C-alpha atoms as a PDB file:
ATOM      1  CA  MET A   1     -21.083  27.335  21.282  1.00  0.00           C
ATOM      2  CA  ALA A   2     -22.045  23.851  20.236  1.00  0.00           C
ATOM      3  CA  LEU A   3     -24.725  23.142  17.379  1.00  0.00           C
ATOM      4  CA  ASN A   4     -27.036  20.525  17.920  1.00  0.00           C
ATOM      5  CA  THR A   5     -26.764  19.428  14.003  1.00  0.00           C
ATOM      6  CA  ILE A   6     -24.052  19.682  11.425  1.00  0.00           C
ATOM      7  CA  VAL A   7     -23.855  22.591   9.640  1.00  0.00           C
ATOM      8  CA  LEU A   8     -22.640  23.832   6.209  1.00  0.00           C
ATOM      9  CA  VAL A   9     -22.399  27.482   5.303  1.00  0.00           C
ATOM     10  CA  ASN A  10     -21.757  28.160   1.680  1.00  0.00           C
ATOM     11  CA  GLN A  11     -20.717  30.929  -0.532  1.00  0.00           C
ATOM     12  CA  ILE A  12     -17.717  31.631   1.809  1.00  0.00           C
ATOM     13  CA  THR A  13     -15.956  35.165   0.627  1.00  0.00           C
ATOM     14  CA  ASN A  14     -14.802  37.099   3.235  1.00  0.00           C
ATOM     15  CA  LEU A  15     -12.969  36.610   6.142  1.00  0.00           C
ATOM     16  CA  SER A  16     -15.636  37.840   8.528  1.00  0.00           C
ATOM     17  CA  ASP A  17     -18.001  35.245   7.595  1.00  0.00           C
ATOM     18  CA  ALA A  18     -15.181  32.496   8.189  1.00  0.00           C
ATOM     19  CA  ARG A  19     -14.198  33.517  11.664  1.00  0.00           C
ATOM     20  CA  TYR A  20     -18.144  34.297  12.523  1.00  0.00           C
ATOM     21  CA  CYS A  21     -18.951  30.885  11.538  1.00  0.00           C
ATOM     22  CA  ALA A  22     -16.292  28.885  12.556  1.00  0.00           C
ATOM     23  CA  GLY A  23     -16.767  30.273  16.203  1.00  0.00           C
ATOM     24  CA  MET A  24     -20.396  30.133  15.866  1.00  0.00           C
ATOM     25  CA  GLY A  25     -19.735  25.837  16.005  1.00  0.00           C
ATOM     26  CA  VAL A  26     -19.877  25.348  11.973  1.00  0.00           C
ATOM     27  CA  GLU A  27     -18.683  22.156  11.204  1.00  0.00           C
ATOM     28  CA  MET A  28     -18.054  23.140   7.494  1.00  0.00           C
ATOM     29  CA  LEU A  29     -17.036  26.121   5.457  1.00  0.00           C
ATOM     30  CA  GLY A  30     -17.966  26.137   1.534  1.00  0.00           C
ATOM     31  CA  PHE A  31     -15.703  27.882  -1.198  1.00  0.00           C
ATOM     32  CA  SER A  32     -16.478  28.622  -4.785  1.00  0.00           C
ATOM     33  CA  LEU A  33     -13.429  27.173  -6.729  1.00  0.00           C
ATOM     34  CA  GLN A  34     -14.652  27.704 -10.097  1.00  0.00           C
ATOM     35  CA  ALA A  35     -14.415  30.803 -12.080  1.00  0.00           C
ATOM     36  CA  GLY A  36     -17.294  32.281 -13.759  1.00  0.00           C
ATOM     37  CA  GLN A  37     -19.710  30.563 -10.803  1.00  0.00           C
ATOM     38  CA  PRO A  38     -21.341  32.519  -8.194  1.00  0.00           C
ATOM     39  CA  GLN A  39     -19.241  33.792  -5.099  1.00  0.00           C
ATOM     40  CA  HIS A  40     -16.056  32.486  -6.740  1.00  0.00           C
ATOM     41  CA  ILE A  41     -13.168  33.059  -4.577  1.00  0.00           C
ATOM     42  CA  SER A  42      -9.348  33.269  -5.952  1.00  0.00           C
ATOM     43  CA  PRO A  43      -6.956  30.741  -4.676  1.00  0.00           C
ATOM     44  CA  ALA A  44      -4.744  33.780  -2.834  1.00  0.00           C
ATOM     45  CA  ALA A  45      -8.222  34.831  -0.944  1.00  0.00           C
ATOM     46  CA  PHE A  46      -8.475  31.524  -0.060  1.00  0.00           C
ATOM     47  CA  LYS A  47      -5.289  30.690   1.140  1.00  0.00           C
ATOM     48  CA  GLU A  48      -5.693  34.019   3.529  1.00  0.00           C
ATOM     49  CA  ILE A  49      -9.094  32.971   5.179  1.00  0.00           C
ATOM     50  CA  SER A  50      -8.697  29.527   5.387  1.00  0.00           C
ATOM     51  CA  GLY A  51      -5.355  30.137   7.169  1.00  0.00           C
ATOM     52  CA  TRP A  52      -7.389  32.365   9.634  1.00  0.00           C
ATOM     53  CA  VAL A  53      -9.682  29.508  10.903  1.00  0.00           C
ATOM     54  CA  SER A  54      -9.429  26.002  12.666  1.00  0.00           C
ATOM     55  CA  GLY A  55     -11.313  23.706  13.913  1.00  0.00           C
ATOM     56  CA  VAL A  56     -13.787  23.429  10.399  1.00  0.00           C
ATOM     57  CA  LYS A  57     -13.842  21.248   7.599  1.00  0.00           C
ATOM     58  CA  LEU A  58     -13.302  23.502   4.140  1.00  0.00           C
ATOM     59  CA  VAL A  59     -15.389  22.540   1.312  1.00  0.00           C
ATOM     60  CA  GLY A  60     -14.895  23.295  -1.979  1.00  0.00           C
ATOM     61  CA  GLU A  61     -17.985  23.673  -4.862  1.00  0.00           C
ATOM     62  CA  VAL A  62     -17.657  23.269  -8.460  1.00  0.00           C
ATOM     63  CA  THR A  63     -20.559  23.026 -10.844  1.00  0.00           C
ATOM     64  CA  ASP A  64     -19.913  21.075 -14.379  1.00  0.00           C
ATOM     65  CA  LEU A  65     -16.313  21.134 -14.298  1.00  0.00           C
ATOM     66  CA  PRO A  66     -14.063  18.605 -16.178  1.00  0.00           C
ATOM     67  CA  VAL A  67     -12.758  16.000 -13.549  1.00  0.00           C
ATOM     68  CA  ASN A  68      -9.121  16.326 -15.058  1.00  0.00           C
ATOM     69  CA  GLU A  69      -9.292  20.458 -14.148  1.00  0.00           C
ATOM     70  CA  LEU A  70     -11.076  20.058 -10.922  1.00  0.00           C
ATOM     71  CA  GLU A  71      -8.153  17.811 -10.027  1.00  0.00           C
ATOM     72  CA  GLU A  72      -5.799  20.627 -11.084  1.00  0.00           C
ATOM     73  CA  LEU A  73      -7.846  23.243  -9.167  1.00  0.00           C
ATOM     74  CA  LEU A  74      -7.303  20.896  -6.231  1.00  0.00           C
ATOM     75  CA  LEU A  75      -3.464  21.946  -6.200  1.00  0.00           C
ATOM     76  CA  ASP A  76      -4.217  25.493  -5.341  1.00  0.00           C
ATOM     77  CA  TYR A  77      -7.266  25.148  -3.230  1.00  0.00           C
ATOM     78  CA  LYS A  78      -6.488  22.769  -0.066  1.00  0.00           C
ATOM     79  CA  VAL A  79      -9.816  21.536   0.492  1.00  0.00           C
ATOM     80  CA  ASP A  80     -11.277  18.731   3.008  1.00  0.00           C
ATOM     81  CA  LEU A  81     -14.506  17.541   0.595  1.00  0.00           C
ATOM     82  CA  LEU A  82     -15.726  18.822  -2.544  1.00  0.00           C
ATOM     83  CA  GLN A  83     -19.320  19.822  -2.960  1.00  0.00           C
ATOM     84  CA  LEU A  84     -20.370  19.120  -6.507  1.00  0.00           C
ATOM     85  CA  ASN A  85     -23.237  21.242  -7.833  1.00  0.00           C
ATOM     86  CA  SER A  86     -24.254  19.137 -10.888  1.00  0.00           C
ATOM     87  CA  LEU A  87     -24.244  15.332 -11.590  1.00  0.00           C
ATOM     88  CA  TYR A  88     -21.077  13.248 -12.353  1.00  0.00           C
ATOM     89  CA  TYR A  89     -20.449   9.832 -13.594  1.00  0.00           C
ATOM     90  CA  ILE A  90     -20.397   7.619 -10.536  1.00  0.00           C
ATOM     91  CA  GLU A  91     -16.658   6.691 -11.907  1.00  0.00           C
ATOM     92  CA  GLU A  92     -15.774  10.111 -12.284  1.00  0.00           C
ATOM     93  CA  LEU A  93     -16.740  10.245  -8.340  1.00  0.00           C
ATOM     94  CA  ASP A  94     -14.599   7.699  -7.489  1.00  0.00           C
ATOM     95  CA  ASP A  95     -11.564   9.101  -9.341  1.00  0.00           C
ATOM     96  CA  LEU A  96     -11.606  12.105  -7.054  1.00  0.00           C
ATOM     97  CA  PRO A  97      -9.525  12.213  -4.054  1.00  0.00           C
ATOM     98  CA  LEU A  98     -11.892  13.634  -1.802  1.00  0.00           C
ATOM     99  CA  PRO A  99     -15.015  12.814   0.114  1.00  0.00           C
ATOM    100  CA  ILE A 100     -18.205  14.318  -2.144  1.00  0.00           C
ATOM    101  CA  ILE A 101     -20.666  16.634  -1.108  1.00  0.00           C
ATOM    102  CA  LEU A 102     -23.759  16.189  -3.985  1.00  0.00           C
ATOM    103  CA  ARG A 103     -25.853  18.580  -4.623  1.00  0.00           C
ATOM    104  CA  VAL A 104     -29.339  17.498  -5.653  1.00  0.00           C
ATOM    105  CA  MET A 105     -31.874  20.189  -6.633  1.00  0.00           C
ATOM    106  CA  ILE A 106     -35.715  20.046  -6.077  1.00  0.00           C
ATOM    107  CA  ASP A 107     -38.023  21.660  -7.777  1.00  0.00           C
ATOM    108  CA  LYS A 108     -42.157  22.203  -8.074  1.00  0.00           C
ATOM    109  CA  ASP A 109     -41.656  19.804 -11.348  1.00  0.00           C
ATOM    110  CA  SER A 110     -39.580  17.310  -9.706  1.00  0.00           C
ATOM    111  CA  VAL A 111     -40.725  13.723  -9.428  1.00  0.00           C
ATOM    112  CA  GLU A 112     -40.205  12.191  -6.291  1.00  0.00           C
ATOM    113  CA  GLU A 113     -39.174   8.927  -7.776  1.00  0.00           C
ATOM    114  CA  ASN A 114     -36.546  10.056  -9.652  1.00  0.00           C
ATOM    115  CA  ILE A 115     -34.993  12.180  -6.809  1.00  0.00           C
ATOM    116  CA  ILE A 116     -34.827   8.596  -4.791  1.00  0.00           C
ATOM    117  CA  SER A 117     -33.758   7.101  -7.960  1.00  0.00           C
ATOM    118  CA  THR A 118     -30.650   9.544  -7.939  1.00  0.00           C
ATOM    119  CA  LEU A 119     -29.902   9.719  -4.121  1.00  0.00           C
ATOM    120  CA  ASP A 120     -30.067   5.718  -3.916  1.00  0.00           C
ATOM    121  CA  LEU A 121     -27.540   5.407  -7.101  1.00  0.00           C
ATOM    122  CA  TYR A 122     -25.280   7.725  -5.482  1.00  0.00           C
ATOM    123  CA  HIS A 123     -25.615   7.228  -2.086  1.00  0.00           C
ATOM    124  CA  GLN A 124     -22.782   4.980  -1.505  1.00  0.00           C
ATOM    125  CA  HIS A 125     -20.399   6.829  -3.659  1.00  0.00           C
ATOM    126  CA  VAL A 126     -20.846  10.227  -1.413  1.00  0.00           C
ATOM    127  CA  GLU A 127     -20.597  11.894   1.934  1.00  0.00           C
ATOM    128  CA  TYR A 128     -23.936  14.038   1.827  1.00  0.00           C
ATOM    129  CA  PHE A 129     -26.610  14.871  -0.481  1.00  0.00           C
ATOM    130  CA  LEU A 130     -27.153  18.943  -0.234  1.00  0.00           C
ATOM    131  CA  ILE A 131     -31.052  19.312  -0.680  1.00  0.00           C
ATOM    132  CA  ASP A 132     -31.596  22.406  -2.283  1.00  0.00           C
ATOM    133  CA  SER A 133     -34.408  24.479  -4.138  1.00  0.00           C
ATOM    134  CA  GLU A 134     -35.026  27.337  -6.515  1.00  0.00           C
ATOM    135  CA  ASP A 135     -38.310  27.439  -6.355  1.00  0.00           C
ATOM    136  CA  PHE A 136     -39.265  26.675  -2.855  1.00  0.00           C
ATOM    137  CA  SER A 137     -38.464  29.506  -0.419  1.00  0.00           C
ATOM    138  CA  PHE A 138     -40.152  27.616   2.184  1.00  0.00           C
ATOM    139  CA  ILE A 139     -40.862  24.264   3.424  1.00  0.00           C
ATOM    140  CA  ASP A 140     -44.643  23.072   3.310  1.00  0.00           C
ATOM    141  CA  GLU A 141     -46.190  20.016   4.581  1.00  0.00           C
ATOM    142  CA  THR A 142     -45.655  18.225   1.159  1.00  0.00           C
ATOM    143  CA  ASN A 143     -42.058  18.927   0.909  1.00  0.00           C
ATOM    144  CA  LEU A 144     -41.545  18.364   4.244  1.00  0.00           C
ATOM    145  CA  ARG A 145     -42.968  15.079   3.875  1.00  0.00           C
ATOM    146  CA  PHE A 146     -40.203  14.138   1.408  1.00  0.00           C
ATOM    147  CA  LEU A 147     -37.424  15.190   3.127  1.00  0.00           C
ATOM    148  CA  ARG A 148     -38.507  13.384   6.074  1.00  0.00           C
ATOM    149  CA  ASP A 149     -38.897  10.442   4.570  1.00  0.00           C
ATOM    150  CA  ILE A 150     -35.694  10.332   2.334  1.00  0.00           C
ATOM    151  CA  SER A 151     -33.686  11.948   5.313  1.00  0.00           C
ATOM    152  CA  LYS A 152     -34.385   8.356   7.216  1.00  0.00           C
ATOM    153  CA  GLN A 153     -32.688   6.610   4.243  1.00  0.00           C
ATOM    154  CA  TYR A 154     -29.677   9.334   3.072  1.00  0.00           C
ATOM    155  CA  PRO A 155     -27.600  11.593   4.752  1.00  0.00           C
ATOM    156  CA  ILE A 156     -28.960  14.867   4.075  1.00  0.00           C
ATOM    157  CA  LEU A 157     -28.110  18.228   4.336  1.00  0.00           C
ATOM    158  CA  LEU A 158     -31.178  20.534   4.280  1.00  0.00           C
ATOM    159  CA  GLY A 159     -30.196  23.581   1.942  1.00  0.00           C
ATOM    160  CA  PHE A 160     -33.169  25.752   1.293  1.00  0.00           C
ATOM    161  CA  GLY A 161     -36.380  26.748   3.132  1.00  0.00           C
ATOM    162  CA  LEU A 162     -34.754  27.987   6.626  1.00  0.00           C
ATOM    163  CA  THR A 163     -35.876  30.900   8.666  1.00  0.00           C
ATOM    164  CA  LYS A 164     -35.216  32.059  12.037  1.00  0.00           C
ATOM    165  CA  GLU A 165     -38.867  31.109  12.971  1.00  0.00           C
ATOM    166  CA  ASN A 166     -38.766  27.443  11.249  1.00  0.00           C
ATOM    167  CA  THR A 167     -35.307  26.188  12.001  1.00  0.00           C
ATOM    168  CA  LYS A 168     -36.105  24.137  15.027  1.00  0.00           C
ATOM    169  CA  GLU A 169     -39.168  22.792  14.053  1.00  0.00           C
ATOM    170  CA  ALA A 170     -37.807  21.697  10.399  1.00  0.00           C
ATOM    171  CA  LEU A 171     -35.331  20.053  12.203  1.00  0.00           C
ATOM    172  CA  ASP A 172     -37.478  18.097  14.548  1.00  0.00           C
ATOM    173  CA  ARG A 173     -39.710  17.086  11.768  1.00  0.00           C
ATOM    174  CA  ILE A 174     -37.021  15.986   9.133  1.00  0.00           C
ATOM    175  CA  GLN A 175     -34.059  15.214  11.379  1.00  0.00           C
ATOM    176  CA  PRO A 176     -31.941  15.567   8.359  1.00  0.00           C
ATOM    177  CA  ALA A 177     -28.002  14.936   9.084  1.00  0.00           C
ATOM    178  CA  GLY A 178     -27.504  18.659   8.563  1.00  0.00           C
ATOM    179  CA  ILE A 179     -28.483  21.580   7.109  1.00  0.00           C
ATOM    180  CA  ALA A 180     -26.904  24.117   4.768  1.00  0.00           C
ATOM    181  CA  LEU A 181     -26.441  27.966   4.425  1.00  0.00           C
ATOM    182  CA  LYS A 182     -25.362  30.493   2.173  1.00  0.00           C
ATOM    183  CA  GLY A 183     -22.736  33.669   3.182  1.00  0.00           C
ATOM    184  CA  GLY A 184     -22.999  36.981   1.923  1.00  0.00           C
ATOM    185  CA  GLU A 185     -20.655  39.884   1.072  1.00  0.00           C
ATOM    186  CA  GLU A 186     -19.415  42.277   3.448  1.00  0.00           C
ATOM    187  CA  ILE A 187     -21.047  45.876   3.953  1.00  0.00           C
ATOM    188  CA  ARG A 188     -17.722  47.107   4.007  1.00  0.00           C
ATOM    189  CA  PRO A 189     -14.287  45.374   4.449  1.00  0.00           C
ATOM    190  CA  GLY A 190     -14.274  43.790   8.162  1.00  0.00           C
ATOM    191  CA  TYR A 191     -18.058  45.022   9.034  1.00  0.00           C
ATOM    192  CA  LYS A 192     -20.711  42.169   8.355  1.00  0.00           C
ATOM    193  CA  ASN A 193     -24.529  42.335   9.570  1.00  0.00           C
ATOM    194  CA  PHE A 194     -24.566  38.346  11.104  1.00  0.00           C
ATOM    195  CA  ASP A 195     -28.630  38.809  12.356  1.00  0.00           C
ATOM    196  CA  GLU A 196     -29.709  36.362  10.008  1.00  0.00           C
ATOM    197  CA  LEU A 197     -27.343  33.751  10.738  1.00  0.00           C
ATOM    198  CA  GLU A 198     -27.215  34.340  14.156  1.00  0.00           C
ATOM    199  CA  GLU A 199     -30.997  34.040  14.411  1.00  0.00           C
ATOM    200  CA  ILE A 200     -30.877  30.802  12.926  1.00  0.00           C
ATOM    201  CA  PHE A 201     -27.893  29.283  14.810  1.00  0.00           C
ATOM    202  CA  GLU A 202     -29.903  30.293  18.089  1.00  0.00           C
ATOM    203  CA  GLN A 203     -31.991  27.860  16.867  1.00  0.00           C
ATOM    204  CA  LEU A 204     -29.488  24.924  16.807  1.00  0.00           C
ATOM    205  CA  GLU A 205     -27.864  25.453  20.632  1.00  0.00           C
ATOM    206  CA  ASP A 206     -27.210  22.615  22.326  1.00  0.00           C
END
């Protein structure tokens, strides 16, 4: 299956998600490498899961982790990219050995000019910006306009507000570089309901 945009699926914790997403044509699978963070996965579990998938890039997700500790983590997790869920100094980014996805949060109090300043400051140092939100559960006309404007200038992965009903329209109107979705827990080992992901993937078929 071929998808018509780049897709990152974050917070992979089980082989069912990993194999399903890889088979559906997802380009990147994200794993939480940092102990204490949601959906953290051990080095052993990561190695087992990653050994069963091919044709995808593996992304390591971290938050507020000092660079020296992050570099130590990379000895145990062989990933292709890093997703930083918080801002780092630019010189720290340039010291990291892998391409960067930088997560940038927007909320109801965000000032658009401040977001754009952040994107402009970091854009030469990252591969993608993952635009996410904990406030907005859907894409309205106001944030659609803003997302469309920044997608014209920066490599944006849209990480919120996507449903089976609006994904195709949102991509047509915003035209980001790609999207970011989230994996989930298995119902029981080896058994997973993929209905929600499948309905979104159907909107992305070539």
